[in-house]
PDB file of N, CA and C in Angstrom:
ATOM      1  N   UNK A   1      45.608  14.205 103.680  1.00  0.00           N
ATOM      2  CA  UNK A   1      45.350  15.468 104.349  1.00  0.00           C
ATOM      3  C   UNK A   1      44.724  16.421 103.330  1.00  0.00           C
ATOM      4  N   UNK A   2      43.488  16.825 103.599  1.00  0.00           N
ATOM      5  CA  UNK A   2      42.776  17.709 102.673  1.00  0.00           C
ATOM      6  C   UNK A   2      43.373  19.105 102.728  1.00  0.00           C
ATOM      7  N   UNK A   3      43.763  19.615 101.572  1.00  0.00           N
ATOM      8  CA  UNK A   3      44.282  20.973 101.495  1.00  0.00           C
ATOM      9  C   UNK A   3      43.657  21.691 100.309  1.00  0.00           C
ATOM     10  N   UNK A   4      43.381  22.970 100.514  1.00  0.00           N
ATOM     11  CA  UNK A   4      42.795  23.811  99.482  1.00  0.00           C
ATOM     12  C   UNK A   4      43.593  25.100  99.410  1.00  0.00           C
ATOM     13  N   UNK A   5      43.835  25.560  98.188  1.00  0.00           N
ATOM     14  CA  UNK A   5      44.583  26.802  98.003  1.00  0.00           C
ATOM     15  C   UNK A   5      43.857  27.670  96.982  1.00  0.00           C
ATOM     16  N   UNK A   6      43.319  28.781  97.461  1.00  0.00           N
ATOM     17  CA  UNK A   6      42.651  29.727  96.569  1.00  0.00           C
ATOM     18  C   UNK A   6      43.659  30.745  96.062  1.00  0.00           C
ATOM     19  N   UNK A   7      43.506  31.124  94.795  1.00  0.00           N
ATOM     20  CA  UNK A   7      44.389  32.118  94.197  1.00  0.00           C
ATOM     21  C   UNK A   7      43.651  32.832  93.077  1.00  0.00           C
ATOM     22  N   UNK A   8      44.262  33.884  92.560  1.00  0.00           N
ATOM     23  CA  UNK A   8      43.697  34.579  91.416  1.00  0.00           C
ATOM     24  C   UNK A   8      43.037  35.906  91.729  1.00  0.00           C
ATOM     25  N   UNK A   9      43.009  36.279  92.979  1.00  0.00           N
ATOM     26  CA  UNK A   9      42.410  37.558  93.331  1.00  0.00           C
ATOM     27  C   UNK A   9      43.260  38.722  92.862  1.00  0.00           C
ATOM     28  N   UNK A  10      42.711  39.914  92.994  1.00  0.00           N
ATOM     29  CA  UNK A  10      43.443  41.095  92.589  1.00  0.00           C
ATOM     30  C   UNK A  10      42.545  42.312  92.561  1.00  0.00           C
ATOM     31  N   UNK A  11      43.060  43.367  91.966  1.00  0.00           N
ATOM     32  CA  UNK A  11      42.327  44.631  91.822  1.00  0.00           C
ATOM     33  C   UNK A  11      41.795  44.720  90.404  1.00  0.00           C
ATOM     34  N   UNK A  12      40.503  44.982  90.280  1.00  0.00           N
ATOM     35  CA  UNK A  12      39.887  45.066  88.960  1.00  0.00           C
ATOM     36  C   UNK A  12      38.874  46.205  88.961  1.00  0.00           C
ATOM     37  N   UNK A  13      38.682  46.814  87.821  1.00  0.00           N
ATOM     38  CA  UNK A  13      37.684  47.880  87.717  1.00  0.00           C
ATOM     39  C   UNK A  13      36.289  47.295  87.628  1.00  0.00           C
ATOM     40  N   UNK A  14      35.330  48.067  88.049  1.00  0.00           N
ATOM     41  CA  UNK A  14      33.937  47.644  87.935  1.00  0.00           C
ATOM     42  C   UNK A  14      33.618  47.306  86.483  1.00  0.00           C
ATOM     43  N   UNK A  15      32.904  46.212  86.306  1.00  0.00           N
ATOM     44  CA  UNK A  15      32.589  45.727  84.965  1.00  0.00           C
ATOM     45  C   UNK A  15      33.590  44.722  84.439  1.00  0.00           C
ATOM     46  N   UNK A  16      34.700  44.583  85.137  1.00  0.00           N
ATOM     47  CA  UNK A  16      35.748  43.667  84.710  1.00  0.00           C
ATOM     48  C   UNK A  16      35.508  42.241  85.155  1.00  0.00           C
ATOM     49  N   UNK A  17      36.514  41.401  84.906  1.00  0.00           N
ATOM     50  CA  UNK A  17      36.410  39.966  85.190  1.00  0.00           C
ATOM     51  C   UNK A  17      37.655  39.470  85.898  1.00  0.00           C
ATOM     52  N   UNK A  18      37.454  38.411  86.657  1.00  0.00           N
ATOM     53  CA  UNK A  18      38.559  37.698  87.293  1.00  0.00           C
ATOM     54  C   UNK A  18      38.218  36.215  87.292  1.00  0.00           C
ATOM     55  N   UNK A  19      39.242  35.394  87.313  1.00  0.00           N
ATOM     56  CA  UNK A  19      39.052  33.963  87.497  1.00  0.00           C
ATOM     57  C   UNK A  19      39.830  33.515  88.728  1.00  0.00           C
ATOM     58  N   UNK A  20      39.119  32.998  89.693  1.00  0.00           N
ATOM     59  CA  UNK A  20      39.744  32.452  90.889  1.00  0.00           C
ATOM     60  C   UNK A  20      39.939  30.949  90.716  1.00  0.00           C
ATOM     61  N   UNK A  21      41.015  30.448  91.309  1.00  0.00           N
ATOM     62  CA  UNK A  21      41.306  29.018  91.268  1.00  0.00           C
ATOM     63  C   UNK A  21      41.340  28.461  92.680  1.00  0.00           C
ATOM     64  N   UNK A  22      40.852  27.253  92.821  1.00  0.00           N
ATOM     65  CA  UNK A  22      40.927  26.529  94.091  1.00  0.00           C
ATOM     66  C   UNK A  22      41.613  25.205  93.800  1.00  0.00           C
ATOM     67  N   UNK A  23      42.885  25.130  94.127  1.00  0.00           N
ATOM     68  CA  UNK A  23      43.658  23.909  93.886  1.00  0.00           C
ATOM     69  C   UNK A  23      43.508  22.978  95.082  1.00  0.00           C
ATOM     70  N   UNK A  24      43.035  21.770  94.802  1.00  0.00           N
ATOM     71  CA  UNK A  24      42.797  20.790  95.856  1.00  0.00           C
ATOM     72  C   UNK A  24      43.899  19.744  95.871  1.00  0.00           C
ATOM     73  N   UNK A  25      44.298  19.329  97.058  1.00  0.00           N
ATOM     74  CA  UNK A  25      45.279  18.251  97.191  1.00  0.00           C
ATOM     75  C   UNK A  25      44.909  17.376  98.374  1.00  0.00           C
ATOM     76  N   UNK A  26      45.324  16.108  98.284  1.00  0.00           N
ATOM     77  CA  UNK A  26      45.039  15.181  99.368  1.00  0.00           C
ATOM     78  C   UNK A  26      43.692  14.500  99.259  1.00  0.00           C
ATOM     79  N   UNK A  27      42.933  14.837  98.218  1.00  0.00           N
ATOM     80  CA  UNK A  27      41.641  14.190  98.021  1.00  0.00           C
ATOM     81  C   UNK A  27      41.214  14.337  96.568  1.00  0.00           C
ATOM     82  N   UNK A  28      40.196  13.561  96.210  1.00  0.00           N
ATOM     83  CA  UNK A  28      39.667  13.583  94.849  1.00  0.00           C
ATOM     84  C   UNK A  28      38.395  14.407  94.824  1.00  0.00           C
ATOM     85  N   UNK A  29      38.306  15.303  93.862  1.00  0.00           N
ATOM     86  CA  UNK A  29      37.136  16.189  93.782  1.00  0.00           C
ATOM     87  C   UNK A  29      35.837  15.409  93.636  1.00  0.00           C
ATOM     88  N   UNK A  30      35.884  14.250  93.009  1.00  0.00           N
ATOM     89  CA  UNK A  30      34.671  13.456  92.812  1.00  0.00           C
ATOM     90  C   UNK A  30      33.969  13.131  94.127  1.00  0.00           C
ATOM     91  N   UNK A  31      34.723  13.080  95.220  1.00  0.00           N
ATOM     92  CA  UNK A  31      34.155  12.679  96.501  1.00  0.00           C
ATOM     93  C   UNK A  31      33.661  13.848  97.346  1.00  0.00           C
ATOM     94  N   UNK A  32      33.834  15.065  96.835  1.00  0.00           N
ATOM     95  CA  UNK A  32      33.564  16.246  97.649  1.00  0.00           C
ATOM     96  C   UNK A  32      32.694  17.266  96.928  1.00  0.00           C
ATOM     97  N   UNK A  33      31.977  18.017  97.700  1.00  0.00           N
ATOM     98  CA  UNK A  33      31.339  19.242  97.236  1.00  0.00           C
ATOM     99  C   UNK A  33      32.323  20.376  97.536  1.00  0.00           C
ATOM    100  N   UNK A  34      32.498  21.285  96.568  1.00  0.00           N
ATOM    101  CA  UNK A  34      33.363  22.443  96.745  1.00  0.00           C
ATOM    102  C   UNK A  34      32.504  23.700  96.719  1.00  0.00           C
ATOM    103  N   UNK A  35      32.735  24.567  97.656  1.00  0.00           N
ATOM    104  CA  UNK A  35      32.018  25.836  97.710  1.00  0.00           C
ATOM    105  C   UNK A  35      32.973  27.018  97.661  1.00  0.00           C
ATOM    106  N   UNK A  36      32.501  28.097  97.077  1.00  0.00           N
ATOM    107  CA  UNK A  36      33.209  29.370  97.112  1.00  0.00           C
ATOM    108  C   UNK A  36      32.439  30.313  98.030  1.00  0.00           C
ATOM    109  N   UNK A  37      33.184  30.993  98.870  1.00  0.00           N
ATOM    110  CA  UNK A  37      32.594  31.928  99.819  1.00  0.00           C
ATOM    111  C   UNK A  37      33.341  33.251  99.749  1.00  0.00           C
ATOM    112  N   UNK A  38      32.720  34.277 100.291  1.00  0.00           N
ATOM    113  CA  UNK A  38      33.409  35.555 100.397  1.00  0.00           C
ATOM    114  C   UNK A  38      33.028  36.222 101.703  1.00  0.00           C
ATOM    115  N   UNK A  39      33.943  37.044 102.163  1.00  0.00           N
ATOM    116  CA  UNK A  39      33.677  37.780 103.394  1.00  0.00           C
ATOM    117  C   UNK A  39      34.256  39.166 103.271  1.00  0.00           C
ATOM    118  N   UNK A  40      33.365  40.136 103.350  1.00  0.00           N
ATOM    119  CA  UNK A  40      33.753  41.538 103.340  1.00  0.00           C
ATOM    120  C   UNK A  40      33.915  42.009 104.781  1.00  0.00           C
ATOM    121  N   UNK A  41      34.694  43.060 105.003  1.00  0.00           N
ATOM    122  CA  UNK A  41      34.903  43.555 106.369  1.00  0.00           C
ATOM    123  C   UNK A  41      33.589  43.860 107.072  1.00  0.00           C
ATOM    124  N   UNK A  42      33.429  43.328 108.262  1.00  0.00           N
ATOM    125  CA  UNK A  42      32.239  43.591 109.047  1.00  0.00           C
ATOM    126  C   UNK A  42      31.010  42.807 108.648  1.00  0.00           C
ATOM    127  N   UNK A  43      31.163  41.897 107.686  1.00  0.00           N
ATOM    128  CA  UNK A  43      30.014  41.122 107.222  1.00  0.00           C
ATOM    129  C   UNK A  43      30.236  39.631 107.454  1.00  0.00           C
ATOM    130  N   UNK A  44      29.144  38.895 107.442  1.00  0.00           N
ATOM    131  CA  UNK A  44      29.222  37.445 107.579  1.00  0.00           C
ATOM    132  C   UNK A  44      29.786  36.821 106.307  1.00  0.00           C
ATOM    133  N   UNK A  45      30.331  35.635 106.468  1.00  0.00           N
ATOM    134  CA  UNK A  45      30.816  34.895 105.298  1.00  0.00           C
ATOM    135  C   UNK A  45      29.608  34.459 104.467  1.00  0.00           C
ATOM    136  N   UNK A  46      29.684  34.698 103.168  1.00  0.00           N
ATOM    137  CA  UNK A  46      28.570  34.455 102.255  1.00  0.00           C
ATOM    138  C   UNK A  46      28.956  33.442 101.190  1.00  0.00           C
ATOM    139  N   UNK A  47      28.131  32.443 100.988  1.00  0.00           N
ATOM    140  CA  UNK A  47      28.372  31.482  99.924  1.00  0.00           C
ATOM    141  C   UNK A  47      27.989  32.073  98.575  1.00  0.00           C
ATOM    142  N   UNK A  48      28.867  31.942  97.579  1.00  0.00           N
ATOM    143  CA  UNK A  48      28.570  32.492  96.256  1.00  0.00           C
ATOM    144  C   UNK A  48      28.442  31.412  95.188  1.00  0.00           C
ATOM    145  N   UNK A  49      28.854  30.196  95.500  1.00  0.00           N
ATOM    146  CA  UNK A  49      28.676  29.109  94.533  1.00  0.00           C
ATOM    147  C   UNK A  49      29.112  27.793  95.153  1.00  0.00           C
ATOM    148  N   UNK A  50      28.546  26.722  94.656  1.00  0.00           N
ATOM    149  CA  UNK A  50      29.032  25.396  95.042  1.00  0.00           C
ATOM    150  C   UNK A  50      28.873  24.460  93.859  1.00  0.00           C
ATOM    151  N   UNK A  51      29.606  23.370  93.912  1.00  0.00           N
ATOM    152  CA  UNK A  51      29.528  22.375  92.856  1.00  0.00           C
ATOM    153  C   UNK A  51      29.904  21.004  93.394  1.00  0.00           C
ATOM    154  N   UNK A  52      29.293  19.999  92.801  1.00  0.00           N
ATOM    155  CA  UNK A  52      29.659  18.612  93.097  1.00  0.00           C
ATOM    156  C   UNK A  52      29.994  17.957  91.767  1.00  0.00           C
ATOM    157  N   UNK A  53      31.245  17.612  91.548  1.00  0.00           N
ATOM    158  CA  UNK A  53      31.630  17.101  90.240  1.00  0.00           C
ATOM    159  C   UNK A  53      31.035  15.723  89.977  1.00  0.00           C
ATOM    160  N   UNK A  54      30.696  14.986  91.034  1.00  0.00           N
ATOM    161  CA  UNK A  54      30.143  13.647  90.829  1.00  0.00           C
ATOM    162  C   UNK A  54      28.816  13.695  90.096  1.00  0.00           C
ATOM    163  N   UNK A  55      27.965  14.666  90.443  1.00  0.00           N
ATOM    164  CA  UNK A  55      26.670  14.734  89.764  1.00  0.00           C
ATOM    165  C   UNK A  55      26.510  15.992  88.915  1.00  0.00           C
ATOM    166  N   UNK A  56      27.548  16.819  88.887  1.00  0.00           N
ATOM    167  CA  UNK A  56      27.510  18.013  88.053  1.00  0.00           C
ATOM    168  C   UNK A  56      26.642  19.137  88.581  1.00  0.00           C
ATOM    169  N   UNK A  57      26.169  19.011  89.804  1.00  0.00           N
ATOM    170  CA  UNK A  57      25.267  20.035  90.336  1.00  0.00           C
ATOM    171  C   UNK A  57      26.031  21.316  90.669  1.00  0.00           C
ATOM    172  N   UNK A  58      25.359  22.425  90.475  1.00  0.00           N
ATOM    173  CA  UNK A  58      25.899  23.741  90.834  1.00  0.00           C
ATOM    174  C   UNK A  58      24.775  24.566  91.433  1.00  0.00           C
ATOM    175  N   UNK A  59      25.152  25.584  92.181  1.00  0.00           N
ATOM    176  CA  UNK A  59      24.141  26.486  92.754  1.00  0.00           C
ATOM    177  C   UNK A  59      24.757  27.856  92.939  1.00  0.00           C
ATOM    178  N   UNK A  60      23.922  28.884  92.709  1.00  0.00           N
ATOM    179  CA  UNK A  60      24.340  30.268  92.882  1.00  0.00           C
ATOM    180  C   UNK A  60      23.243  31.037  93.603  1.00  0.00           C
ATOM    181  N   UNK A  61      23.615  31.939  94.484  1.00  0.00           N
ATOM    182  CA  UNK A  61      22.604  32.828  95.062  1.00  0.00           C
ATOM    183  C   UNK A  61      22.260  33.912  94.039  1.00  0.00           C
ATOM    184  N   UNK A  62      21.159  34.582  94.254  1.00  0.00           N
ATOM    185  CA  UNK A  62      20.705  35.612  93.317  1.00  0.00           C
ATOM    186  C   UNK A  62      21.730  36.739  93.168  1.00  0.00           C
ATOM    187  N   UNK A  63      22.510  36.986  94.213  1.00  0.00           N
ATOM    188  CA  UNK A  63      23.453  38.106  94.181  1.00  0.00           C
ATOM    189  C   UNK A  63      24.528  37.948  93.102  1.00  0.00           C
ATOM    190  N   UNK A  64      24.803  36.719  92.670  1.00  0.00           N
ATOM    191  CA  UNK A  64      25.854  36.509  91.673  1.00  0.00           C
ATOM    192  C   UNK A  64      25.353  35.746  90.445  1.00  0.00           C
ATOM    193  N   UNK A  65      24.119  35.281  90.485  1.00  0.00           N
ATOM    194  CA  UNK A  65      23.595  34.476  89.377  1.00  0.00           C
ATOM    195  C   UNK A  65      23.660  35.264  88.078  1.00  0.00           C
ATOM    196  N   UNK A  66      24.174  34.606  87.046  1.00  0.00           N
ATOM    197  CA  UNK A  66      24.314  35.261  85.746  1.00  0.00           C
ATOM    198  C   UNK A  66      25.636  35.989  85.578  1.00  0.00           C
ATOM    199  N   UNK A  67      26.361  36.189  86.663  1.00  0.00           N
ATOM    200  CA  UNK A  67      27.658  36.872  86.590  1.00  0.00           C
ATOM    201  C   UNK A  67      28.811  35.942  86.950  1.00  0.00           C
ATOM    202  N   UNK A  68      28.577  35.019  87.874  1.00  0.00           N
ATOM    203  CA  UNK A  68      29.619  34.089  88.316  1.00  0.00           C
ATOM    204  C   UNK A  68      29.321  32.701  87.762  1.00  0.00           C
ATOM    205  N   UNK A  69      30.382  31.987  87.419  1.00  0.00           N
ATOM    206  CA  UNK A  69      30.263  30.605  86.957  1.00  0.00           C
ATOM    207  C   UNK A  69      31.328  29.755  87.631  1.00  0.00           C
ATOM    208  N   UNK A  70      30.908  28.622  88.160  1.00  0.00           N
ATOM    209  CA  UNK A  70      31.856  27.696  88.775  1.00  0.00           C
ATOM    210  C   UNK A  70      32.122  26.555  87.805  1.00  0.00           C
ATOM    211  N   UNK A  71      33.366  26.117  87.743  1.00  0.00           N
ATOM    212  CA  UNK A  71      33.715  25.007  86.866  1.00  0.00           C
ATOM    213  C   UNK A  71      34.796  24.154  87.516  1.00  0.00           C
ATOM    214  N   UNK A  72      34.906  22.929  87.038  1.00  0.00           N
ATOM    215  CA  UNK A  72      35.848  21.973  87.620  1.00  0.00           C
ATOM    216  C   UNK A  72      36.736  21.380  86.537  1.00  0.00           C
ATOM    217  N   UNK A  73      38.027  21.303  86.822  1.00  0.00           N
ATOM    218  CA  UNK A  73      38.971  20.601  85.965  1.00  0.00           C
ATOM    219  C   UNK A  73      39.495  19.421  86.771  1.00  0.00           C
ATOM    220  N   UNK A  74      38.915  18.253  86.532  1.00  0.00           N
ATOM    221  CA  UNK A  74      39.293  17.086  87.332  1.00  0.00           C
ATOM    222  C   UNK A  74      40.739  16.676  87.095  1.00  0.00           C
ATOM    223  N   UNK A  75      41.232  16.893  85.892  1.00  0.00           N
ATOM    224  CA  UNK A  75      42.619  16.527  85.589  1.00  0.00           C
ATOM    225  C   UNK A  75      43.595  17.339  86.430  1.00  0.00           C
ATOM    226  N   UNK A  76      43.226  18.581  86.716  1.00  0.00           N
ATOM    227  CA  UNK A  76      44.084  19.448  87.527  1.00  0.00           C
ATOM    228  C   UNK A  76      43.650  19.490  88.986  1.00  0.00           C
ATOM    229  N   UNK A  77      42.561  18.767  89.299  1.00  0.00           N
ATOM    230  CA  UNK A  77      42.018  18.787  90.666  1.00  0.00           C
ATOM    231  C   UNK A  77      41.801  20.213  91.156  1.00  0.00           C
ATOM    232  N   UNK A  78      41.219  21.006  90.277  1.00  0.00           N
ATOM    233  CA  UNK A  78      41.046  22.438  90.542  1.00  0.00           C
ATOM    234  C   UNK A  78      39.622  22.863  90.211  1.00  0.00           C
ATOM    235  N   UNK A  79      39.081  23.703  91.065  1.00  0.00           N
ATOM    236  CA  UNK A  79      37.769  24.307  90.832  1.00  0.00           C
ATOM    237  C   UNK A  79      37.976  25.796  90.604  1.00  0.00           C
ATOM    238  N   UNK A  80      37.297  26.318  89.596  1.00  0.00           N
ATOM    239  CA  UNK A  80      37.438  27.732  89.238  1.00  0.00           C
ATOM    240  C   UNK A  80      36.150  28.492  89.541  1.00  0.00           C
ATOM    241  N   UNK A  81      36.313  29.763  89.813  1.00  0.00           N
ATOM    242  CA  UNK A  81      35.181  30.674  89.913  1.00  0.00           C
ATOM    243  C   UNK A  81      35.432  31.801  88.926  1.00  0.00           C
ATOM    244  N   UNK A  82      34.644  31.812  87.858  1.00  0.00           N
ATOM    245  CA  UNK A  82      34.749  32.837  86.836  1.00  0.00           C
ATOM    246  C   UNK A  82      33.791  33.959  87.219  1.00  0.00           C
ATOM    247  N   UNK A  83      34.329  35.149  87.397  1.00  0.00           N
ATOM    248  CA  UNK A  83      33.527  36.282  87.855  1.00  0.00           C
ATOM    249  C   UNK A  83      33.528  37.363  86.784  1.00  0.00           C
ATOM    250  N   UNK A  84      32.344  37.686  86.294  1.00  0.00           N
ATOM    251  CA  UNK A  84      32.184  38.700  85.265  1.00  0.00           C
ATOM    252  C   UNK A  84      31.318  39.841  85.786  1.00  0.00           C
ATOM    253  N   UNK A  85      31.355  40.953  85.078  1.00  0.00           N
ATOM    254  CA  UNK A  85      30.520  42.118  85.427  1.00  0.00           C
ATOM    255  C   UNK A  85      30.653  42.457  86.904  1.00  0.00           C
ATOM    256  N   UNK A  86      31.877  42.531  87.354  1.00  0.00           N
ATOM    257  CA  UNK A  86      32.129  42.748  88.783  1.00  0.00           C
ATOM    258  C   UNK A  86      31.663  44.129  89.207  1.00  0.00           C
ATOM    259  N   UNK A  87      31.141  44.181  90.421  1.00  0.00           N
ATOM    260  CA  UNK A  87      30.670  45.425  91.014  1.00  0.00           C
ATOM    261  C   UNK A  87      31.383  45.623  92.348  1.00  0.00           C
ATOM    262  N   UNK A  88      31.296  46.825  92.885  1.00  0.00           N
ATOM    263  CA  UNK A  88      32.028  47.134  94.115  1.00  0.00           C
ATOM    264  C   UNK A  88      31.600  46.232  95.275  1.00  0.00           C
ATOM    265  N   UNK A  89      30.336  45.802  95.241  1.00  0.00           N
ATOM    266  CA  UNK A  89      29.837  44.937  96.301  1.00  0.00           C
ATOM    267  C   UNK A  89      30.470  43.545  96.282  1.00  0.00           C
ATOM    268  N   UNK A  90      31.191  43.224  95.214  1.00  0.00           N
ATOM    269  CA  UNK A  90      31.877  41.931  95.149  1.00  0.00           C
ATOM    270  C   UNK A  90      33.227  41.974  95.863  1.00  0.00           C
ATOM    271  N   UNK A  91      33.626  43.138  96.317  1.00  0.00           N
ATOM    272  CA  UNK A  91      34.895  43.261  97.033  1.00  0.00           C
ATOM    273  C   UNK A  91      34.850  42.476  98.329  1.00  0.00           C
ATOM    274  N   UNK A  92      35.808  41.559  98.489  1.00  0.00           N
ATOM    275  CA  UNK A  92      35.827  40.699  99.668  1.00  0.00           C
ATOM    276  C   UNK A  92      37.045  39.783  99.587  1.00  0.00           C
ATOM    277  N   UNK A  93      37.289  39.073 100.663  1.00  0.00           N
ATOM    278  CA  UNK A  93      38.225  37.959 100.620  1.00  0.00           C
ATOM    279  C   UNK A  93      37.426  36.723 100.224  1.00  0.00           C
ATOM    280  N   UNK A  94      37.922  36.019  99.227  1.00  0.00           N
ATOM    281  CA  UNK A  94      37.228  34.843  98.706  1.00  0.00           C
ATOM    282  C   UNK A  94      37.932  33.580  99.176  1.00  0.00           C
ATOM    283  N   UNK A  95      37.130  32.607  99.600  1.00  0.00           N
ATOM    284  CA  UNK A  95      37.635  31.343 100.113  1.00  0.00           C
ATOM    285  C   UNK A  95      36.988  30.185  99.358  1.00  0.00           C
ATOM    286  N   UNK A  96      37.703  29.077  99.274  1.00  0.00           N
ATOM    287  CA  UNK A  96      37.071  27.852  98.826  1.00  0.00           C
ATOM    288  C   UNK A  96      37.079  26.852  99.985  1.00  0.00           C
ATOM    289  N   UNK A  97      36.113  25.960  99.954  1.00  0.00           N
ATOM    290  CA  UNK A  97      35.937  25.007 101.040  1.00  0.00           C
ATOM    291  C   UNK A  97      35.423  23.685 100.489  1.00  0.00           C
ATOM    292  N   UNK A  98      35.604  22.617 101.256  1.00  0.00           N
ATOM    293  CA  UNK A  98      35.220  21.284 100.797  1.00  0.00           C
ATOM    294  C   UNK A  98      34.342  20.590 101.827  1.00  0.00           C
ATOM    295  N   UNK A  99      33.424  19.779 101.322  1.00  0.00           N
ATOM    296  CA  UNK A  99      32.539  18.989 102.175  1.00  0.00           C
ATOM    297  C   UNK A  99      32.468  17.585 101.592  1.00  0.00           C
ATOM    298  N   UNK A 100      32.846  16.595 102.385  1.00  0.00           N
ATOM    299  CA  UNK A 100      32.891  15.226 101.877  1.00  0.00           C
ATOM    300  C   UNK A 100      31.491  14.674 101.636  1.00  0.00           C
ATOM    301  N   UNK A 101      31.326  14.064 100.455  1.00  0.00           N
ATOM    302  CA  UNK A 101      30.116  13.314 100.177  1.00  0.00           C
ATOM    303  C   UNK A 101      28.854  14.108  99.982  1.00  0.00           C
ATOM    304  N   UNK A 102      28.948  15.416  99.928  1.00  0.00           N
ATOM    305  CA  UNK A 102      27.744  16.237  99.810  1.00  0.00           C
ATOM    306  C   UNK A 102      27.472  16.602  98.352  1.00  0.00           C
ATOM    307  N   UNK A 103      26.247  16.984  98.088  1.00  0.00           N
ATOM    308  CA  UNK A 103      25.856  17.409  96.746  1.00  0.00           C
ATOM    309  C   UNK A 103      25.295  18.815  96.804  1.00  0.00           C
ATOM    310  N   UNK A 104      25.687  19.612  95.830  1.00  0.00           N
ATOM    311  CA  UNK A 104      25.301  21.022  95.789  1.00  0.00           C
ATOM    312  C   UNK A 104      23.945  21.143  95.113  1.00  0.00           C
ATOM    313  N   UNK A 105      22.880  21.075  95.887  1.00  0.00           N
ATOM    314  CA  UNK A 105      21.556  21.019  95.277  1.00  0.00           C
ATOM    315  C   UNK A 105      20.598  22.090  95.763  1.00  0.00           C
ATOM    316  N   UNK A 106      21.007  22.890  96.730  1.00  0.00           N
ATOM    317  CA  UNK A 106      20.091  23.910  97.212  1.00  0.00           C
ATOM    318  C   UNK A 106      20.875  24.997  97.927  1.00  0.00           C
ATOM    319  N   UNK A 107      20.166  26.043  98.294  1.00  0.00           N
ATOM    320  CA  UNK A 107      20.799  27.154  98.976  1.00  0.00           C
ATOM    321  C   UNK A 107      21.385  26.724 100.323  1.00  0.00           C
ATOM    322  N   UNK A 108      20.884  25.641 100.868  1.00  0.00           N
ATOM    323  CA  UNK A 108      21.414  25.127 102.141  1.00  0.00           C
ATOM    324  C   UNK A 108      22.893  24.833 102.017  1.00  0.00           C
ATOM    325  N   UNK A 109      23.293  24.378 100.841  1.00  0.00           N
ATOM    326  CA  UNK A 109      24.693  23.990 100.626  1.00  0.00           C
ATOM    327  C   UNK A 109      25.613  25.195 100.474  1.00  0.00           C
ATOM    328  N   UNK A 110      25.064  26.391 100.549  1.00  0.00           N
ATOM    329  CA  UNK A 110      25.889  27.593 100.556  1.00  0.00           C
ATOM    330  C   UNK A 110      26.140  28.098 101.976  1.00  0.00           C
ATOM    331  N   UNK A 111      25.733  27.321 102.958  1.00  0.00           N
ATOM    332  CA  UNK A 111      26.021  27.697 104.337  1.00  0.00           C
ATOM    333  C   UNK A 111      27.432  27.261 104.697  1.00  0.00           C
ATOM    334  N   UNK A 112      28.225  28.132 105.312  1.00  0.00           N
ATOM    335  CA  UNK A 112      29.582  27.739 105.709  1.00  0.00           C
ATOM    336  C   UNK A 112      29.596  26.523 106.642  1.00  0.00           C
ATOM    337  N   UNK A 113      28.506  26.306 107.363  1.00  0.00           N
ATOM    338  CA  UNK A 113      28.470  25.208 108.323  1.00  0.00           C
ATOM    339  C   UNK A 113      28.405  23.841 107.644  1.00  0.00           C
ATOM    340  N   UNK A 114      28.141  23.830 106.334  1.00  0.00           N
ATOM    341  CA  UNK A 114      28.096  22.573 105.586  1.00  0.00           C
ATOM    342  C   UNK A 114      29.497  22.061 105.251  1.00  0.00           C
ATOM    343  N   UNK A 115      30.537  22.874 105.477  1.00  0.00           N
ATOM    344  CA  UNK A 115      31.889  22.573 105.014  1.00  0.00           C
ATOM    345  C   UNK A 115      32.838  22.346 106.177  1.00  0.00           C
ATOM    346  N   UNK A 116      33.761  21.409 105.975  1.00  0.00           N
ATOM    347  CA  UNK A 116      34.678  21.049 107.046  1.00  0.00           C
ATOM    348  C   UNK A 116      36.121  21.480 106.792  1.00  0.00           C
ATOM    349  N   UNK A 117      36.444  21.715 105.534  1.00  0.00           N
ATOM    350  CA  UNK A 117      37.839  22.043 105.206  1.00  0.00           C
ATOM    351  C   UNK A 117      37.880  23.340 104.416  1.00  0.00           C
ATOM    352  N   UNK A 118      38.789  24.211 104.809  1.00  0.00           N
ATOM    353  CA  UNK A 118      38.865  25.548 104.225  1.00  0.00           C
ATOM    354  C   UNK A 118      40.288  25.869 103.811  1.00  0.00           C
ATOM    355  N   UNK A 119      40.398  26.606 102.724  1.00  0.00           N
ATOM    356  CA  UNK A 119      41.681  27.135 102.324  1.00  0.00           C
ATOM    357  C   UNK A 119      41.822  28.576 102.776  1.00  0.00           C
ATOM    358  N   UNK A 120      43.011  29.117 102.621  1.00  0.00           N
ATOM    359  CA  UNK A 120      43.217  30.533 102.889  1.00  0.00           C
ATOM    360  C   UNK A 120      42.585  31.340 101.766  1.00  0.00           C
ATOM    361  N   UNK A 121      42.212  32.535 102.068  1.00  0.00           N
ATOM    362  CA  UNK A 121      41.494  33.344 101.107  1.00  0.00           C
ATOM    363  C   UNK A 121      42.380  34.105 100.146  1.00  0.00           C
ATOM    364  N   UNK A 122      41.722  34.658  99.136  1.00  0.00           N
ATOM    365  CA  UNK A 122      42.377  35.529  98.170  1.00  0.00           C
ATOM    366  C   UNK A 122      41.536  36.800  98.041  1.00  0.00           C
ATOM    367  N   UNK A 123      42.204  37.941  98.080  1.00  0.00           N
ATOM    368  CA  UNK A 123      41.503  39.229  98.106  1.00  0.00           C
ATOM    369  C   UNK A 123      41.064  39.636  96.702  1.00  0.00           C
ATOM    370  N   UNK A 124      39.811  40.024  96.596  1.00  0.00           N
ATOM    371  CA  UNK A 124      39.279  40.607  95.366  1.00  0.00           C
ATOM    372  C   UNK A 124      38.809  42.021  95.697  1.00  0.00           C
ATOM    373  N   UNK A 125      39.342  42.983  94.967  1.00  0.00           N
ATOM    374  CA  UNK A 125      38.949  44.379  95.167  1.00  0.00           C
ATOM    375  C   UNK A 125      38.455  44.936  93.841  1.00  0.00           C
ATOM    376  N   UNK A 126      37.224  45.434  93.854  1.00  0.00           N
ATOM    377  CA  UNK A 126      36.619  46.003  92.657  1.00  0.00           C
ATOM    378  C   UNK A 126      36.529  47.510  92.852  1.00  0.00           C
ATOM    379  N   UNK A 127      37.183  48.244  91.988  1.00  0.00           N
ATOM    380  CA  UNK A 127      37.169  49.696  92.089  1.00  0.00           C
ATOM    381  C   UNK A 127      36.088  50.272  91.193  1.00  0.00           C
ATOM    382  N   UNK A 128      35.400  51.273  91.714  1.00  0.00           N
ATOM    383  CA  UNK A 128      34.287  51.862  90.943  1.00  0.00           C
ATOM    384  C   UNK A 128      34.744  53.114  90.207  1.00  0.00           C
TER     385      UNK A 128
END
């Protein structure tokens, strides 16, 4: 049974950093693409990063490129989202999601429709 648990959110000042964790259980990360998404009130869910540990591919949209980094710890079956230089626009609920057998190779893979399994979100609030 595929399960994902996002954690690590909180309140941070603008310019600060946070590290989110996505703990996976019931499956091996090597077989899945993992994506991080966020959703602010009144807005659509937005993909902010994805990774496929099998081929090492990663992708970021321009809105977070250079500030966010995704990484994988296969020993812990956990994917991290390192967020630096946070701005108020990064305030949202952050989710991680999994897609079997996919590779993170283009902006297409940041669409929520590419993913079948979702964890509960973690709130990130950036104060200005």
